[in-house]
Amino acid sequence: MITEQQRRVYDFIRAYINIHGVSPSYAEIAKGLSLTARSNIHRIVHKIYKAGMISIKSKRFRSIRIADKSVQTISAL
């Protein structure tokens, strides 16, 4: 499971992608959630990634994608 802060970051990422069509940068996430350190955002985003809720292409700008688990859910039935 994820923490409340991780849920806030995840929800922000989802909303940002829905509004802008691209994923937010770490700086935009920090600013949007009134957090100061981008290093904390990096840590939180990677914990969300390890939880399987997002995918990230390394060394690519704006590469966060929401993981679509609908196929996994259907195939498990």
N, C-alpha and C. Protein backbone atom coordinates (compact mmCIF):
# COMPACT_ATOMS: atom_id res chain seq x y z
N MET A 1 0.84 -1.18 0.00
CA MET A 1 0.00 0.00 0.00
C MET A 1 0.88 1.25 0.00
N ILE A 2 0.27 2.36 -0.34
CA ILE A 2 1.02 3.61 -0.39
C ILE A 2 0.56 4.54 0.72
N THR A 3 1.42 5.49 1.06
CA THR A 3 1.11 6.44 2.11
C THR A 3 0.20 7.55 1.59
N GLU A 4 -0.30 8.36 2.50
CA GLU A 4 -1.16 9.48 2.12
C GLU A 4 -0.41 10.47 1.22
N GLN A 5 0.85 10.73 1.54
CA GLN A 5 1.64 11.66 0.72
C GLN A 5 1.87 11.08 -0.68
N GLN A 6 2.13 9.79 -0.76
CA GLN A 6 2.30 9.15 -2.07
C GLN A 6 0.99 9.21 -2.86
N ARG A 7 -0.14 9.04 -2.18
CA ARG A 7 -1.44 9.13 -2.84
C ARG A 7 -1.67 10.54 -3.38
N ARG A 8 -1.27 11.57 -2.62
CA ARG A 8 -1.42 12.95 -3.09
C ARG A 8 -0.60 13.18 -4.35
N VAL A 9 0.63 12.68 -4.37
CA VAL A 9 1.49 12.84 -5.54
C VAL A 9 0.90 12.08 -6.72
N TYR A 10 0.45 10.87 -6.51
CA TYR A 10 -0.16 10.07 -7.58
C TYR A 10 -1.40 10.78 -8.14
N ASP A 11 -2.26 11.27 -7.27
CA ASP A 11 -3.46 11.98 -7.72
C ASP A 11 -3.10 13.24 -8.49
N PHE A 12 -2.06 13.95 -8.05
CA PHE A 12 -1.62 15.14 -8.76
C PHE A 12 -1.13 14.77 -10.16
N ILE A 13 -0.35 13.71 -10.26
CA ILE A 13 0.17 13.28 -11.56
C ILE A 13 -1.01 12.93 -12.50
N ARG A 14 -1.96 12.17 -12.00
CA ARG A 14 -3.13 11.81 -12.83
C ARG A 14 -3.89 13.04 -13.30
N ALA A 15 -4.15 13.97 -12.39
CA ALA A 15 -4.89 15.18 -12.75
C ALA A 15 -4.10 16.02 -13.75
N TYR A 16 -2.81 16.14 -13.55
CA TYR A 16 -1.97 16.94 -14.44
C TYR A 16 -1.98 16.35 -15.85
N ILE A 17 -1.86 15.05 -15.95
CA ILE A 17 -1.88 14.39 -17.26
C ILE A 17 -3.24 14.60 -17.94
N ASN A 18 -4.32 14.48 -17.17
CA ASN A 18 -5.66 14.68 -17.74
C ASN A 18 -5.84 16.11 -18.25
N ILE A 19 -5.30 17.09 -17.56
CA ILE A 19 -5.46 18.49 -17.95
C ILE A 19 -4.53 18.88 -19.09
N HIS A 20 -3.24 18.51 -18.97
CA HIS A 20 -2.22 19.00 -19.90
C HIS A 20 -1.82 18.01 -20.99
N GLY A 21 -2.16 16.75 -20.83
CA GLY A 21 -1.82 15.76 -21.85
C GLY A 21 -0.40 15.24 -21.77
N VAL A 22 0.39 15.75 -20.85
CA VAL A 22 1.76 15.28 -20.62
C VAL A 22 1.96 15.15 -19.12
N SER A 23 2.97 14.38 -18.73
CA SER A 23 3.22 14.23 -17.31
C SER A 23 3.96 15.44 -16.75
N PRO A 24 3.80 15.71 -15.46
CA PRO A 24 4.47 16.85 -14.86
C PRO A 24 5.94 16.55 -14.57
N SER A 25 6.73 17.60 -14.51
CA SER A 25 8.12 17.45 -14.06
C SER A 25 8.11 17.38 -12.53
N TYR A 26 9.23 16.99 -11.96
CA TYR A 26 9.32 16.94 -10.50
C TYR A 26 9.11 18.33 -9.91
N ALA A 27 9.63 19.35 -10.57
CA ALA A 27 9.46 20.73 -10.09
C ALA A 27 7.99 21.13 -10.09
N GLU A 28 7.26 20.73 -11.13
CA GLU A 28 5.83 21.05 -11.20
C GLU A 28 5.04 20.31 -10.13
N ILE A 29 5.41 19.08 -9.85
CA ILE A 29 4.75 18.33 -8.78
C ILE A 29 5.01 19.02 -7.44
N ALA A 30 6.27 19.38 -7.19
CA ALA A 30 6.62 20.05 -5.94
C ALA A 30 5.85 21.36 -5.79
N LYS A 31 5.81 22.16 -6.83
CA LYS A 31 5.11 23.43 -6.78
C LYS A 31 3.60 23.22 -6.60
N GLY A 32 3.04 22.28 -7.32
CA GLY A 32 1.61 22.01 -7.24
C GLY A 32 1.16 21.52 -5.88
N LEU A 33 2.05 20.86 -5.16
CA LEU A 33 1.70 20.32 -3.84
C LEU A 33 2.33 21.13 -2.70
N SER A 34 2.92 22.27 -3.04
CA SER A 34 3.57 23.16 -2.05
C SER A 34 4.66 22.44 -1.25
N LEU A 35 5.44 21.63 -1.94
CA LEU A 35 6.59 20.98 -1.34
C LEU A 35 7.84 21.68 -1.83
N THR A 36 8.91 21.63 -1.04
CA THR A 36 10.09 22.42 -1.40
C THR A 36 11.19 21.63 -2.09
N ALA A 37 11.38 20.39 -1.74
CA ALA A 37 12.53 19.64 -2.25
C ALA A 37 12.13 18.69 -3.38
N ARG A 38 12.73 18.89 -4.54
CA ARG A 38 12.47 17.98 -5.66
C ARG A 38 13.02 16.58 -5.38
N SER A 39 14.04 16.50 -4.54
CA SER A 39 14.59 15.18 -4.21
C SER A 39 13.55 14.34 -3.47
N ASN A 40 12.72 14.96 -2.65
CA ASN A 40 11.63 14.23 -1.99
C ASN A 40 10.61 13.75 -3.01
N ILE A 41 10.31 14.58 -4.00
CA ILE A 41 9.38 14.19 -5.06
C ILE A 41 9.94 12.98 -5.80
N HIS A 42 11.23 13.03 -6.11
CA HIS A 42 11.88 11.91 -6.81
C HIS A 42 11.72 10.62 -6.01
N ARG A 43 11.96 10.70 -4.72
CA ARG A 43 11.85 9.53 -3.85
C ARG A 43 10.41 9.01 -3.83
N ILE A 44 9.45 9.91 -3.69
CA ILE A 44 8.04 9.52 -3.63
C ILE A 44 7.60 8.90 -4.96
N VAL A 45 7.97 9.53 -6.07
CA VAL A 45 7.57 9.03 -7.39
C VAL A 45 8.13 7.63 -7.61
N HIS A 46 9.36 7.39 -7.19
CA HIS A 46 9.94 6.06 -7.38
C HIS A 46 9.31 5.01 -6.47
N LYS A 47 8.82 5.42 -5.32
CA LYS A 47 8.07 4.46 -4.48
C LYS A 47 6.74 4.11 -5.14
N ILE A 48 6.10 5.11 -5.75
CA ILE A 48 4.85 4.84 -6.48
C ILE A 48 5.13 3.92 -7.67
N TYR A 49 6.26 4.14 -8.33
CA TYR A 49 6.68 3.28 -9.44
C TYR A 49 6.87 1.84 -8.96
N LYS A 50 7.55 1.68 -7.83
CA LYS A 50 7.78 0.33 -7.29
C LYS A 50 6.48 -0.34 -6.87
N ALA A 51 5.47 0.46 -6.53
CA ALA A 51 4.16 -0.10 -6.17
C ALA A 51 3.38 -0.51 -7.42
N GLY A 52 3.91 -0.17 -8.61
CA GLY A 52 3.28 -0.59 -9.86
C GLY A 52 2.16 0.32 -10.35
N MET A 53 2.06 1.51 -9.78
CA MET A 53 0.96 2.40 -10.15
C MET A 53 1.30 3.31 -11.33
N ILE A 54 2.58 3.49 -11.59
CA ILE A 54 3.03 4.31 -12.72
C ILE A 54 4.18 3.60 -13.41
N SER A 55 4.48 4.05 -14.62
CA SER A 55 5.69 3.59 -15.31
C SER A 55 6.52 4.82 -15.62
N ILE A 56 7.83 4.61 -15.67
CA ILE A 56 8.77 5.70 -15.93
C ILE A 56 9.82 5.20 -16.91
N LYS A 57 10.08 5.98 -17.95
CA LYS A 57 11.19 5.68 -18.84
C LYS A 57 12.38 6.47 -18.33
N SER A 58 13.44 5.77 -17.99
CA SER A 58 14.58 6.45 -17.40
C SER A 58 15.25 7.40 -18.38
N LYS A 59 15.75 8.48 -17.82
CA LYS A 59 16.49 9.51 -18.55
C LYS A 59 15.66 10.17 -19.65
N ARG A 60 14.36 10.24 -19.45
CA ARG A 60 13.47 10.90 -20.41
C ARG A 60 12.64 11.92 -19.64
N PHE A 61 12.52 13.10 -20.19
CA PHE A 61 11.76 14.17 -19.58
C PHE A 61 10.27 13.91 -19.78
N ARG A 62 9.47 14.12 -18.76
CA ARG A 62 8.01 13.93 -18.80
C ARG A 62 7.64 12.52 -19.25
N SER A 63 8.26 11.54 -18.62
CA SER A 63 8.03 10.15 -19.04
C SER A 63 7.18 9.34 -18.07
N ILE A 64 6.55 10.00 -17.11
CA ILE A 64 5.69 9.29 -16.16
C ILE A 64 4.38 8.95 -16.85
N ARG A 65 3.96 7.71 -16.74
CA ARG A 65 2.68 7.26 -17.30
C ARG A 65 1.92 6.51 -16.21
N ILE A 66 0.63 6.66 -16.21
CA ILE A 66 -0.22 5.92 -15.27
C ILE A 66 -0.30 4.48 -15.77
N ALA A 67 -0.04 3.53 -14.88
CA ALA A 67 -0.08 2.12 -15.27
C ALA A 67 -1.54 1.69 -15.43
N ASP A 68 -1.83 1.07 -16.57
CA ASP A 68 -3.18 0.59 -16.84
C ASP A 68 -3.26 -0.85 -16.39
N LYS A 69 -3.93 -1.07 -15.29
CA LYS A 69 -4.03 -2.42 -14.73
C LYS A 69 -5.28 -3.14 -15.19
N SER A 70 -6.07 -2.53 -16.08
CA SER A 70 -7.32 -3.15 -16.49
C SER A 70 -7.08 -4.49 -17.19
N VAL A 71 -6.04 -4.59 -17.99
CA VAL A 71 -5.73 -5.84 -18.68
C VAL A 71 -5.32 -6.91 -17.67
N GLN A 72 -4.51 -6.52 -16.67
CA GLN A 72 -4.11 -7.47 -15.64
C GLN A 72 -5.31 -7.96 -14.86
N THR A 73 -6.26 -7.07 -14.58
CA THR A 73 -7.45 -7.44 -13.81
C THR A 73 -8.31 -8.40 -14.61
N ILE A 74 -8.50 -8.13 -15.88
CA ILE A 74 -9.33 -8.99 -16.73
C ILE A 74 -8.69 -10.36 -16.90
N SER A 75 -7.38 -10.39 -17.11
CA SER A 75 -6.72 -11.67 -17.34
C SER A 75 -6.66 -12.53 -16.08
N ALA A 76 -6.81 -11.90 -14.91
CA ALA A 76 -6.78 -12.66 -13.65
C ALA A 76 -8.11 -13.35 -13.38
N LEU A 77 -9.16 -12.97 -14.10
CA LEU A 77 -10.48 -13.58 -13.85
C LEU A 77 -10.60 -14.96 -14.42
